[in-house]
Amino acid sequence: MKRALVSVSDKTGVVEFARNLREAGWEVIATGGTMKLLEKEGVEVINISDVTGFPEICDGRVKTLHPAVHGGLLARRDDPSHVQALKDNHIEYIDLVCVNLYPFRQTIAREGVTMADAIENIDIGGPSMLRSAAKNWADVTVVCDPQDYARIIDEIRTEGNTRKETRLQLSAKAYTHTAEYDMMIATYMRKQAGLPEKLFLEYDLVQSLRYGENPHQQAKFFRQAEEVAYSPAFARQLHGKELSYNNIQDAQAALNIVREFEEPFCVGLKHMNPCGAATGRDVVEAWTKAYEADKVSIFGGIVATNRTVTREAAELMKPIFLEIIMAPKFDEGALEVLSTKKNLRLLEVKMEGKIAQSQYVGFNGGMLVQDADTTTRTVSGEMCVTECKPAEEQIADLNFGWRIVKHVKSNAIAVVKDGRTLGVGAGQMNRIGSAEIALKEARAAGFTEGLVLASDGFFPFDDCVTLAGEYGVTAIVQPGGSVRDEDSIKRANELGIAMVFTGERHFKH
């Protein structure tokens, strides 16, 4: 008679699984809470202590760490010396192990968890059984995921045992499970001990993508286990074809901008740079202002807003060719309107809760890790360094421009007025080049006075201030910190431009 050992923390489906094993003629050995549950549900089980001849001790810390368990798992059925060793020591084979581990991840995620609580949720016997069974996969079935129960029972019913290829797959899955578990523990303990020289990352495959940035590049989409807000990885897709590599990159860039605003806001984005962004009384006004900021560049772009997309807003968006629209919610009318566009992706995105705190960038042979740029200083009149002081309405635009330019590729310049972008200069090799692009865009749109200019980095010379004056800029926000700051301040005073220094740089390479 074949035997299974069942000891699970997550008891989802375990009663039915054990019952099916018994009906297939298998003996079922169980431990602790699992045994009590199975007995309560009328499933005949053997106590682990009856197998080992030893009681569970140390509050259950020691119960399966015994030769009667690991000998029964590790002995090779095709090796006569192994077979004889089991006979000599009165050990029987164990043909299946069903184990999932103490909830360490859930424990350390709890607010205020103590190190003592965390340590009590470090499983010892479970990983040991999984590894023993996985090592001897040629003879032993190892199960660590309730999702596999049905498949295993089907094979046992039809063939008397699991298939060899199934056991190999389950072995690999078990080793992955224990590796992830050990990685979580190592990460936690190293943090407690102040040991920073190792980095462990855990991501699960969501899907293989059609291609990467270009058709000749293969790509895959992975997601971390812990859900965070403002993330396309955890968005709910309501409509449209699957996301591409570039879609996901652009979506994250747009959501990073949306996160800066509490008032109704909308941004249009292309190639990870905002092409139009605006605040408004509601989503309709915010979209209208953002779209009118650059009707050309938004073609084929993506849109993100921090308000529910209404039918009225959807009617305005529908005629424009867009790849993605993201929002915390779409009302029924909006879905009815936008779902008529077969390929348009509609993503419902969580915009409350924990946000990612670290940023990872890979390069050949290495990886850079930095804190995410999640803080933005509020611009105030006290930051002004010029004789001319910004008016109240200019303070609002200085803050708007400062929050936008932060998310533009460096060198970055944004020209804004009345809570919307008028021109964006991104990614130029010198700052005056970016300023020229942004200012010319604003003039081409018919705006020539009362403009506000934002720069993500300081001005190395006074040329940007001079150019700004020629295009009708009356207020500037920049980090400050150049050895030539006084030149820019002097030029701003000569031109009657108010200028504030935030003391905070936002390079985005």
Protein backbone atom coordinates (compact mmCIF):
# COMPACT_ATOMS: atom_id res chain seq x y z
CA MET A 1 0.00 0.00 0.00
CA LYS A 2 1.34 3.43 -0.96
CA ARG A 3 1.64 6.09 1.72
CA ALA A 4 1.29 9.87 1.73
CA LEU A 5 2.46 12.31 4.38
CA VAL A 6 0.31 15.43 4.67
CA SER A 7 1.33 18.45 6.74
CA VAL A 8 0.06 21.83 5.53
CA SER A 9 -0.22 25.37 6.80
CA ASP A 10 -2.58 26.43 4.01
CA LYS A 11 -5.36 23.88 4.37
CA THR A 12 -7.21 24.88 1.20
CA GLY A 13 -8.53 21.70 -0.44
CA VAL A 14 -6.51 19.37 1.77
CA VAL A 15 -9.50 17.48 3.19
CA GLU A 16 -10.77 16.52 -0.27
CA PHE A 17 -7.23 15.71 -1.41
CA ALA A 18 -6.60 13.37 1.54
CA ARG A 19 -10.03 11.79 1.18
CA ASN A 20 -9.34 11.07 -2.50
CA LEU A 21 -6.01 9.50 -1.62
CA ARG A 22 -7.71 7.21 0.88
CA GLU A 23 -10.36 6.25 -1.69
CA ALA A 24 -7.54 5.37 -4.08
CA GLY A 25 -6.17 2.93 -1.47
CA TRP A 26 -3.36 5.08 -0.04
CA GLU A 27 -2.53 5.42 3.64
CA VAL A 28 -2.41 9.02 4.87
CA ILE A 29 0.02 10.13 7.58
CA ALA A 30 -0.60 13.59 9.09
CA THR A 31 0.83 15.95 11.70
CA GLY A 32 -0.59 18.33 14.28
CA GLY A 33 -3.32 20.64 13.04
CA THR A 34 -3.61 18.83 9.72
CA MET A 35 -4.30 15.53 11.48
CA LYS A 36 -6.94 17.10 13.71
CA LEU A 37 -8.71 18.64 10.72
CA LEU A 38 -8.70 15.40 8.73
CA GLU A 39 -9.97 13.41 11.71
CA LYS A 40 -12.71 15.95 12.29
CA GLU A 41 -13.79 15.59 8.65
CA GLY A 42 -13.88 11.81 8.91
CA VAL A 43 -10.70 11.05 6.94
CA GLU A 44 -8.76 8.09 8.34
CA VAL A 45 -5.21 9.18 9.17
CA ILE A 46 -2.08 7.86 10.89
CA ASN A 47 -0.44 10.07 13.50
CA ILE A 48 3.16 10.99 12.59
CA SER A 49 4.21 9.90 16.08
CA ASP A 50 3.02 6.37 15.32
CA VAL A 51 5.40 6.33 12.33
CA THR A 52 8.43 7.78 14.12
CA GLY A 53 7.81 6.19 17.50
CA PHE A 54 8.59 9.59 18.96
CA PRO A 55 6.25 12.35 20.22
CA GLU A 56 6.09 15.84 18.82
CA ILE A 57 8.26 17.99 21.10
CA CYS A 58 9.32 21.61 21.60
CA ASP A 59 5.84 22.98 20.81
CA GLY A 60 5.80 21.09 17.53
CA ARG A 61 9.20 22.32 16.38
CA VAL A 62 10.38 18.70 16.21
CA LYS A 63 8.04 16.11 14.72
CA THR A 64 9.13 15.08 11.21
CA LEU A 65 12.91 15.41 11.57
CA HIS A 66 13.35 11.65 11.95
CA PRO A 67 14.92 8.76 9.95
CA ALA A 68 11.52 7.08 9.70
CA VAL A 69 10.38 10.08 7.64
CA HIS A 70 13.47 11.00 5.67
CA GLY A 71 14.61 7.42 5.19
CA GLY A 72 11.16 6.62 3.76
CA LEU A 73 11.48 9.58 1.40
CA LEU A 74 15.12 9.39 0.33
CA ALA A 75 15.66 5.66 -0.14
CA ARG A 76 16.05 4.72 -3.80
CA ARG A 77 13.74 1.89 -4.76
CA ASP A 78 16.20 0.66 -7.43
CA ASP A 79 19.18 0.44 -5.05
CA PRO A 80 19.32 -2.90 -3.14
CA SER A 81 21.44 -1.42 -0.36
CA HIS A 82 18.85 1.32 0.23
CA VAL A 83 16.02 -1.23 0.21
CA GLN A 84 17.89 -3.43 2.70
CA ALA A 85 18.67 -0.45 4.97
CA LEU A 86 14.97 0.33 5.29
CA LYS A 87 14.16 -3.32 6.05
CA ASP A 88 16.91 -3.53 8.67
CA ASN A 89 15.60 -0.39 10.39
CA HIS A 90 11.88 -1.18 10.03
CA ILE A 91 11.24 1.90 7.90
CA GLU A 92 8.49 1.98 5.29
CA TYR A 93 8.47 3.98 2.07
CA ILE A 94 6.66 7.31 1.85
CA ASP A 95 5.49 7.79 -1.73
CA LEU A 96 3.97 11.27 -1.60
CA VAL A 97 4.61 14.36 0.50
CA CYS A 98 2.03 17.16 0.64
CA VAL A 99 3.52 20.13 2.46
CA ASN A 100 3.21 23.88 2.36
CA LEU A 101 5.11 26.09 4.71
CA TYR A 102 4.45 28.33 7.69
CA PRO A 103 3.21 31.77 6.53
CA PHE A 104 6.47 33.66 6.96
CA ARG A 105 5.70 36.29 4.29
CA GLN A 106 2.30 37.07 5.81
CA THR A 107 3.81 37.22 9.29
CA ILE A 108 6.52 39.77 8.52
CA ALA A 109 4.05 41.86 6.50
CA ARG A 110 1.94 42.47 9.61
CA GLU A 111 2.32 45.87 11.22
CA GLY A 112 4.27 45.73 14.47
CA VAL A 113 5.43 42.14 14.06
CA THR A 114 8.22 41.19 16.45
CA MET A 115 11.33 39.28 15.51
CA ALA A 116 10.21 36.51 17.90
CA ASP A 117 6.95 36.14 15.95
CA ALA A 118 8.86 36.05 12.68
CA ILE A 119 11.24 33.36 13.91
CA GLU A 120 8.37 31.15 15.15
CA ASN A 121 7.08 31.20 11.57
CA ILE A 122 10.31 29.87 10.08
CA ASP A 123 9.45 26.34 8.99
CA ILE A 124 12.17 23.71 9.46
CA GLY A 125 10.58 20.32 9.00
CA GLY A 126 8.48 21.38 6.01
CA PRO A 127 11.36 22.49 3.76
CA SER A 128 13.33 19.41 4.83
CA MET A 129 10.55 17.07 3.71
CA LEU A 130 10.03 18.97 0.47
CA ARG A 131 13.72 18.80 -0.38
CA SER A 132 14.00 15.12 0.48
CA ALA A 133 10.97 14.24 -1.63
CA ALA A 134 12.06 16.50 -4.46
CA LYS A 135 15.52 14.91 -4.51
CA ASN A 136 13.97 11.45 -4.87
CA TRP A 137 11.43 12.57 -7.50
CA ALA A 138 11.99 9.39 -9.53
CA ASP A 139 10.00 7.54 -6.85
CA VAL A 140 8.30 10.19 -4.72
CA THR A 141 5.62 12.77 -5.56
CA VAL A 142 6.12 16.13 -3.85
CA VAL A 143 3.20 18.58 -3.59
CA CYS A 144 3.47 22.15 -2.30
CA ASP A 145 0.65 23.90 -4.19
CA PRO A 146 -3.06 23.17 -3.70
CA GLN A 147 -3.55 24.01 -7.38
CA ASP A 148 -1.85 20.68 -8.20
CA TYR A 149 -4.18 18.49 -6.11
CA ALA A 150 -6.71 17.77 -8.87
CA ARG A 151 -4.06 16.85 -11.43
CA ILE A 152 -2.35 14.44 -9.03
CA ILE A 153 -5.57 12.72 -8.03
CA ASP A 154 -6.55 12.30 -11.69
CA GLU A 155 -3.26 10.55 -12.47
CA ILE A 156 -3.47 8.32 -9.38
CA ARG A 157 -7.02 7.30 -10.27
CA THR A 158 -6.19 6.46 -13.88
CA GLU A 159 -2.66 5.05 -13.51
CA GLY A 160 -2.25 4.10 -9.86
CA ASN A 161 0.48 6.72 -9.37
CA THR A 162 1.68 10.01 -10.76
CA ARG A 163 3.57 10.05 -14.06
CA LYS A 164 7.34 10.40 -13.97
CA GLU A 165 7.27 13.65 -15.97
CA THR A 166 4.75 15.02 -13.48
CA ARG A 167 7.01 14.14 -10.55
CA LEU A 168 9.93 15.92 -12.21
CA GLN A 169 7.87 19.07 -12.72
CA LEU A 170 6.63 18.94 -9.13
CA SER A 171 10.20 18.46 -7.90
CA ALA A 172 11.33 21.60 -9.69
CA LYS A 173 8.33 23.44 -8.28
CA ALA A 174 9.16 22.30 -4.75
CA TYR A 175 12.77 23.44 -5.00
CA THR A 176 11.54 26.80 -6.30
CA HIS A 177 9.16 27.02 -3.35
CA THR A 178 11.86 26.31 -0.77
CA ALA A 179 14.32 28.63 -2.50
CA GLU A 180 11.81 31.50 -2.38
CA TYR A 181 11.04 30.71 1.24
CA ASP A 182 14.71 30.68 2.24
CA MET A 183 15.26 33.90 0.29
CA MET A 184 12.51 35.64 2.26
CA ILE A 185 13.99 34.47 5.54
CA ALA A 186 17.53 35.43 4.52
CA THR A 187 16.39 38.88 3.43
CA TYR A 188 14.55 39.44 6.71
CA MET A 189 17.36 38.13 8.92
CA ARG A 190 20.05 40.04 7.04
CA LYS A 191 18.05 43.23 7.50
CA GLN A 192 17.77 42.56 11.24
CA ALA A 193 21.51 41.88 11.39
CA GLY A 194 22.47 44.91 9.31
CA LEU A 195 24.08 42.93 6.49
CA PRO A 196 23.46 44.77 3.19
CA GLU A 197 25.82 43.06 0.76
CA LYS A 198 23.29 40.65 -0.78
CA LEU A 199 20.22 41.44 -2.88
CA PHE A 200 17.48 38.85 -3.38
CA LEU A 201 14.64 39.57 -5.78
CA GLU A 202 11.54 37.45 -6.26
CA TYR A 203 9.26 37.95 -9.25
CA ASP A 204 6.72 35.63 -10.86
CA LEU A 205 6.10 35.32 -14.58
CA VAL A 206 2.85 36.98 -15.62
CA GLN A 207 3.18 36.34 -19.34
CA SER A 208 5.54 36.17 -22.27
CA LEU A 209 5.17 39.29 -24.39
CA ARG A 210 4.91 39.36 -28.16
CA TYR A 211 8.29 41.12 -28.25
CA GLY A 212 10.38 43.71 -26.43
CA GLU A 213 11.16 47.27 -27.45
CA ASN A 214 11.55 46.01 -31.02
CA PRO A 215 10.16 42.97 -32.86
CA HIS A 216 13.50 41.13 -32.89
CA GLN A 217 13.76 41.27 -29.06
CA GLN A 218 12.09 38.64 -26.88
CA ALA A 219 10.55 39.82 -23.62
CA LYS A 220 8.74 38.57 -20.54
CA PHE A 221 6.58 40.33 -17.95
CA PHE A 222 7.28 39.47 -14.29
CA ARG A 223 5.54 40.75 -11.17
CA GLN A 224 6.55 40.91 -7.52
CA ALA A 225 4.37 39.19 -4.92
CA GLU A 226 3.49 42.24 -2.82
CA GLU A 227 0.85 44.47 -4.39
CA VAL A 228 1.65 48.18 -4.67
CA ALA A 229 -0.40 51.16 -5.84
CA TYR A 230 0.12 53.06 -9.11
CA SER A 231 1.42 49.96 -10.85
CA PRO A 232 0.48 48.47 -14.24
CA ALA A 233 1.65 45.12 -12.86
CA PHE A 234 -1.40 45.01 -10.58
CA ALA A 235 -3.84 46.81 -12.85
CA ARG A 236 -7.10 45.17 -13.87
CA GLN A 237 -7.44 45.14 -17.65
CA LEU A 238 -11.07 45.70 -18.58
CA HIS A 239 -10.75 45.76 -22.37
CA GLY A 240 -8.37 45.61 -25.31
CA LYS A 241 -5.51 43.48 -26.55
CA GLU A 242 -2.64 42.39 -24.32
CA LEU A 243 -0.09 44.90 -23.12
CA SER A 244 3.25 45.17 -24.91
CA TYR A 245 6.69 45.80 -23.44
CA ASN A 246 6.56 49.47 -24.43
CA ASN A 247 2.97 49.79 -23.18
CA ILE A 248 4.03 48.68 -19.71
CA GLN A 249 7.00 51.05 -19.63
CA ASP A 250 4.86 53.98 -20.73
CA ALA A 251 2.05 53.05 -18.37
CA GLN A 252 4.38 53.14 -15.36
CA ALA A 253 5.83 56.50 -16.44
CA ALA A 254 2.32 57.97 -16.71
CA LEU A 255 1.23 56.59 -13.35
CA ASN A 256 4.30 58.08 -11.68
CA ILE A 257 3.11 61.50 -12.86
CA VAL A 258 -0.49 60.91 -11.80
CA ARG A 259 0.73 60.05 -8.31
CA GLU A 260 1.96 63.64 -7.89
CA PHE A 261 -1.54 65.12 -7.95
CA GLU A 262 -4.52 65.06 -5.59
CA GLU A 263 -6.73 67.43 -7.59
CA PRO A 264 -8.39 66.17 -10.81
CA PHE A 265 -5.53 65.56 -13.24
CA CYS A 266 -4.91 63.98 -16.62
CA VAL A 267 -1.72 63.29 -18.57
CA GLY A 268 -1.04 62.18 -22.11
CA LEU A 269 2.28 60.41 -22.57
CA LYS A 270 4.51 59.23 -25.43
CA HIS A 271 7.84 57.44 -25.16
CA MET A 272 7.88 57.87 -21.36
CA ASN A 273 7.58 61.68 -21.55
CA PRO A 274 4.44 63.74 -20.91
CA CYS A 275 3.21 65.46 -24.06
CA GLY A 276 0.22 67.10 -22.42
CA ALA A 277 -0.80 67.36 -18.77
CA ALA A 278 -3.35 69.41 -16.91
CA THR A 279 -5.44 69.85 -13.79
CA GLY A 280 -9.10 70.79 -13.94
CA ARG A 281 -12.38 71.02 -12.07
CA ASP A 282 -13.13 67.44 -13.11
CA VAL A 283 -11.86 64.71 -15.42
CA VAL A 284 -13.51 66.29 -18.47
CA GLU A 285 -11.75 69.61 -18.04
CA ALA A 286 -8.44 67.96 -17.14
CA TRP A 287 -8.59 65.77 -20.28
CA THR A 288 -9.61 68.68 -22.51
CA LYS A 289 -6.77 70.89 -21.31
CA ALA A 290 -4.22 68.05 -21.54
CA TYR A 291 -5.30 67.11 -25.07
CA GLU A 292 -5.28 70.72 -26.30
CA ALA A 293 -1.76 71.14 -24.90
CA ASP A 294 -0.40 68.95 -27.74
CA LYS A 295 -2.94 67.45 -30.13
CA VAL A 296 -0.22 66.06 -32.39
CA SER A 297 2.02 64.14 -30.00
CA ILE A 298 -0.82 62.36 -28.19
CA PHE A 299 -1.56 60.33 -31.36
CA GLY A 300 -0.82 56.71 -30.48
CA GLY A 301 -0.04 57.62 -26.88
CA ILE A 302 -1.50 56.67 -23.54
CA VAL A 303 -3.67 58.59 -21.09
CA ALA A 304 -3.84 58.38 -17.31
CA THR A 305 -6.14 60.20 -14.90
CA ASN A 306 -6.72 60.10 -11.16
CA ARG A 307 -10.51 60.37 -11.45
CA THR A 308 -13.26 58.03 -12.65
CA VAL A 309 -13.62 58.20 -16.43
CA THR A 310 -17.20 59.25 -17.14
CA ARG A 311 -19.24 58.78 -20.29
CA GLU A 312 -18.72 62.46 -21.13
CA ALA A 313 -14.94 62.11 -20.82
CA ALA A 314 -15.02 58.87 -22.80
CA GLU A 315 -16.91 60.54 -25.65
CA LEU A 316 -14.13 63.13 -25.87
CA MET A 317 -11.35 60.54 -25.77
CA LYS A 318 -12.91 58.09 -28.21
CA PRO A 319 -12.10 59.92 -31.49
CA ILE A 320 -8.38 60.02 -30.62
CA PHE A 321 -6.13 57.06 -31.45
CA LEU A 322 -4.85 55.97 -28.04
CA GLU A 323 -3.06 52.81 -26.90
CA ILE A 324 -4.14 52.83 -23.25
CA ILE A 325 -6.45 54.72 -20.90
CA MET A 326 -5.79 54.26 -17.17
CA ALA A 327 -7.97 55.38 -14.29
CA PRO A 328 -9.00 54.27 -10.81
CA LYS A 329 -12.43 53.46 -12.28
CA PHE A 330 -14.50 53.61 -15.47
CA ASP A 331 -18.24 54.11 -15.11
CA GLU A 332 -20.62 51.92 -17.11
CA GLY A 333 -21.24 54.62 -19.70
CA ALA A 334 -17.51 55.09 -20.28
CA LEU A 335 -16.99 51.35 -20.77
CA GLU A 336 -19.89 51.22 -23.21
CA VAL A 337 -18.36 54.05 -25.28
CA LEU A 338 -14.71 52.96 -25.19
CA SER A 339 -15.28 49.21 -25.59
CA THR A 340 -16.33 49.84 -29.18
CA LYS A 341 -12.63 50.37 -29.94
CA LYS A 342 -11.42 46.77 -30.16
CA ASN A 343 -7.72 47.30 -29.47
CA LEU A 344 -7.90 50.13 -26.93
CA ARG A 345 -6.60 48.89 -23.58
CA LEU A 346 -8.57 50.05 -20.54
CA LEU A 347 -6.78 49.59 -17.22
CA GLU A 348 -8.32 50.06 -13.80
CA VAL A 349 -5.44 50.98 -11.50
CA LYS A 350 -5.27 51.01 -7.71
CA MET A 351 -4.32 54.55 -6.68
CA GLU A 352 -4.33 54.19 -2.91
CA GLY A 353 -2.02 52.31 -0.58
CA LYS A 354 1.65 51.40 -0.43
CA ILE A 355 3.90 52.46 -3.31
CA ALA A 356 7.18 50.97 -4.45
CA GLN A 357 10.09 52.35 -2.44
CA SER A 358 13.00 51.04 -4.54
CA GLN A 359 13.99 51.27 -8.18
CA TYR A 360 16.05 48.63 -9.98
CA VAL A 361 18.00 49.19 -13.19
CA GLY A 362 19.92 46.37 -14.82
CA PHE A 363 23.01 46.76 -16.97
CA ASN A 364 25.59 44.37 -18.42
CA GLY A 365 26.88 42.34 -15.50
CA GLY A 366 25.24 44.33 -12.73
CA MET A 367 22.29 46.13 -11.24
CA LEU A 368 21.75 49.55 -9.71
CA VAL A 369 19.33 50.00 -6.83
CA GLN A 370 18.13 53.34 -5.53
CA ASP A 371 15.30 54.79 -3.47
CA ALA A 372 12.38 55.69 -5.70
CA ASP A 373 12.03 59.46 -6.24
CA THR A 374 8.75 59.68 -4.35
CA THR A 375 9.04 63.09 -2.68
CA THR A 376 8.48 66.48 -4.26
CA ARG A 377 8.97 69.72 -2.38
CA THR A 378 6.15 72.21 -2.38
CA VAL A 379 7.17 75.46 -4.03
CA SER A 380 6.57 78.53 -1.85
CA GLY A 381 7.29 82.23 -1.98
CA GLU A 382 10.02 81.80 0.63
CA MET A 383 12.09 79.97 -1.99
CA CYS A 384 12.28 83.06 -4.19
CA VAL A 385 15.82 84.33 -4.87
CA THR A 386 14.96 87.34 -7.05
CA GLU A 387 13.74 90.88 -6.42
CA CYS A 388 10.54 90.12 -8.35
CA LYS A 389 8.30 87.83 -6.31
CA PRO A 390 5.84 85.30 -7.76
CA ALA A 391 2.14 86.10 -7.57
CA GLU A 392 -0.28 83.64 -5.98
CA GLU A 393 -1.44 82.21 -9.31
CA GLN A 394 2.19 81.82 -10.35
CA ILE A 395 2.93 79.80 -7.19
CA ALA A 396 0.24 77.34 -8.29
CA ASP A 397 1.80 77.03 -11.74
CA LEU A 398 5.31 76.78 -10.30
CA ASN A 399 4.14 73.79 -8.27
CA PHE A 400 2.39 72.29 -11.27
CA GLY A 401 5.45 72.72 -13.50
CA TRP A 402 7.79 71.38 -10.80
CA ARG A 403 5.74 68.19 -10.43
CA ILE A 404 5.62 67.70 -14.21
CA VAL A 405 9.27 68.41 -15.07
CA LYS A 406 10.34 65.87 -12.45
CA HIS A 407 9.04 63.13 -14.78
CA VAL A 408 10.52 64.41 -18.04
CA LYS A 409 13.75 62.88 -19.35
CA SER A 410 16.78 65.05 -18.51
CA ASN A 411 17.72 67.61 -19.57
CA ALA A 412 14.12 68.61 -18.90
CA ILE A 413 12.21 71.85 -19.32
CA ALA A 414 8.44 72.30 -18.96
CA VAL A 415 6.57 75.48 -19.83
CA VAL A 416 3.16 75.78 -18.17
CA LYS A 417 0.30 78.17 -17.52
CA ASP A 418 -3.05 77.89 -15.76
CA GLY A 419 -2.44 74.31 -14.65
CA ARG A 420 -1.48 72.78 -17.99
CA THR A 421 1.63 72.16 -20.05
CA LEU A 422 2.26 74.36 -23.09
CA GLY A 423 5.63 72.97 -24.10
CA VAL A 424 7.94 70.16 -23.00
CA GLY A 425 11.62 69.83 -23.87
CA ALA A 426 13.04 66.41 -23.05
CA GLY A 427 16.28 64.49 -23.24
CA GLN A 428 18.48 67.06 -24.95
CA MET A 429 22.22 67.03 -24.49
CA ASN A 430 22.19 70.61 -23.16
CA ARG A 431 19.59 72.52 -21.18
CA ILE A 432 19.25 75.43 -23.59
CA GLY A 433 18.25 72.94 -26.29
CA SER A 434 15.41 71.60 -24.15
CA ALA A 435 14.35 75.16 -23.27
CA GLU A 436 14.21 76.14 -26.95
CA ILE A 437 11.96 73.16 -27.76
CA ALA A 438 9.56 73.84 -24.90
CA LEU A 439 9.37 77.60 -25.46
CA LYS A 440 8.86 77.28 -29.20
CA GLU A 441 6.01 74.82 -28.60
CA ALA A 442 4.34 77.31 -26.27
CA ARG A 443 4.70 80.16 -28.78
CA ALA A 444 3.41 77.99 -31.64
CA ALA A 445 0.31 77.35 -29.53
CA GLY A 446 -0.19 81.11 -29.22
CA PHE A 447 1.09 81.67 -25.68
CA THR A 448 3.56 84.54 -25.39
CA GLU A 449 3.10 86.08 -21.95
CA GLY A 450 2.71 85.14 -18.30
CA LEU A 451 4.39 81.77 -18.77
CA VAL A 452 6.04 79.68 -16.05
CA LEU A 453 9.14 77.59 -16.79
CA ALA A 454 10.35 74.62 -14.76
CA SER A 455 13.77 72.97 -15.02
CA ASP A 456 14.71 69.63 -13.44
CA GLY A 457 18.33 70.72 -12.94
CA PHE A 458 20.11 74.01 -12.28
CA PHE A 459 21.07 76.50 -15.00
CA PRO A 460 24.82 76.33 -15.67
CA PHE A 461 24.64 79.73 -17.41
CA ASP A 462 22.18 82.59 -17.65
CA ASP A 463 21.29 81.74 -21.27
CA CYS A 464 18.11 79.85 -20.29
CA VAL A 465 16.87 82.86 -18.31
CA THR A 466 17.61 85.16 -21.25
CA LEU A 467 15.76 82.89 -23.66
CA ALA A 468 12.85 82.55 -21.23
CA GLY A 469 12.48 86.32 -21.12
CA GLU A 470 12.29 86.48 -24.92
CA TYR A 471 9.33 84.06 -24.94
CA GLY A 472 7.21 85.70 -22.23
CA VAL A 473 8.23 83.71 -19.16
CA THR A 474 7.52 85.62 -15.93
CA ALA A 475 8.40 82.97 -13.33
CA ILE A 476 10.94 80.14 -13.14
CA VAL A 477 11.41 77.19 -10.80
CA GLN A 478 14.70 75.30 -10.69
CA PRO A 479 16.82 73.47 -8.08
CA GLY A 480 19.63 76.01 -7.85
CA GLY A 481 23.12 74.87 -6.91
CA SER A 482 25.22 76.06 -9.87
CA VAL A 483 28.46 77.94 -9.26
CA ARG A 484 26.93 80.51 -11.65
CA ASP A 485 23.60 80.88 -9.85
CA GLU A 486 24.27 84.58 -9.30
CA ASP A 487 24.49 85.12 -13.06
CA SER A 488 21.03 83.62 -13.53
CA ILE A 489 19.60 85.58 -10.59
CA LYS A 490 21.04 88.84 -11.93
CA ARG A 491 19.62 88.20 -15.39
CA ALA A 492 16.20 87.35 -13.96
CA ASN A 493 16.23 90.61 -11.99
CA GLU A 494 17.09 92.55 -15.17
CA LEU A 495 14.17 90.92 -17.01
CA GLY A 496 11.66 91.20 -14.16
CA ILE A 497 11.33 87.41 -13.84
CA ALA A 498 10.54 85.81 -10.47
CA MET A 499 12.75 82.78 -9.81
CA VAL A 500 12.60 80.21 -7.03
CA PHE A 501 15.19 77.63 -5.99
CA THR A 502 13.78 74.41 -4.54
CA GLY A 503 17.12 72.95 -3.43
CA GLU A 504 15.93 69.64 -4.87
CA ARG A 505 17.07 68.10 -8.17
CA HIS A 506 15.02 65.59 -10.20
CA PHE A 507 17.26 64.14 -12.91
CA LYS A 508 15.63 61.32 -14.85
CA HIS A 509 18.02 59.48 -17.13
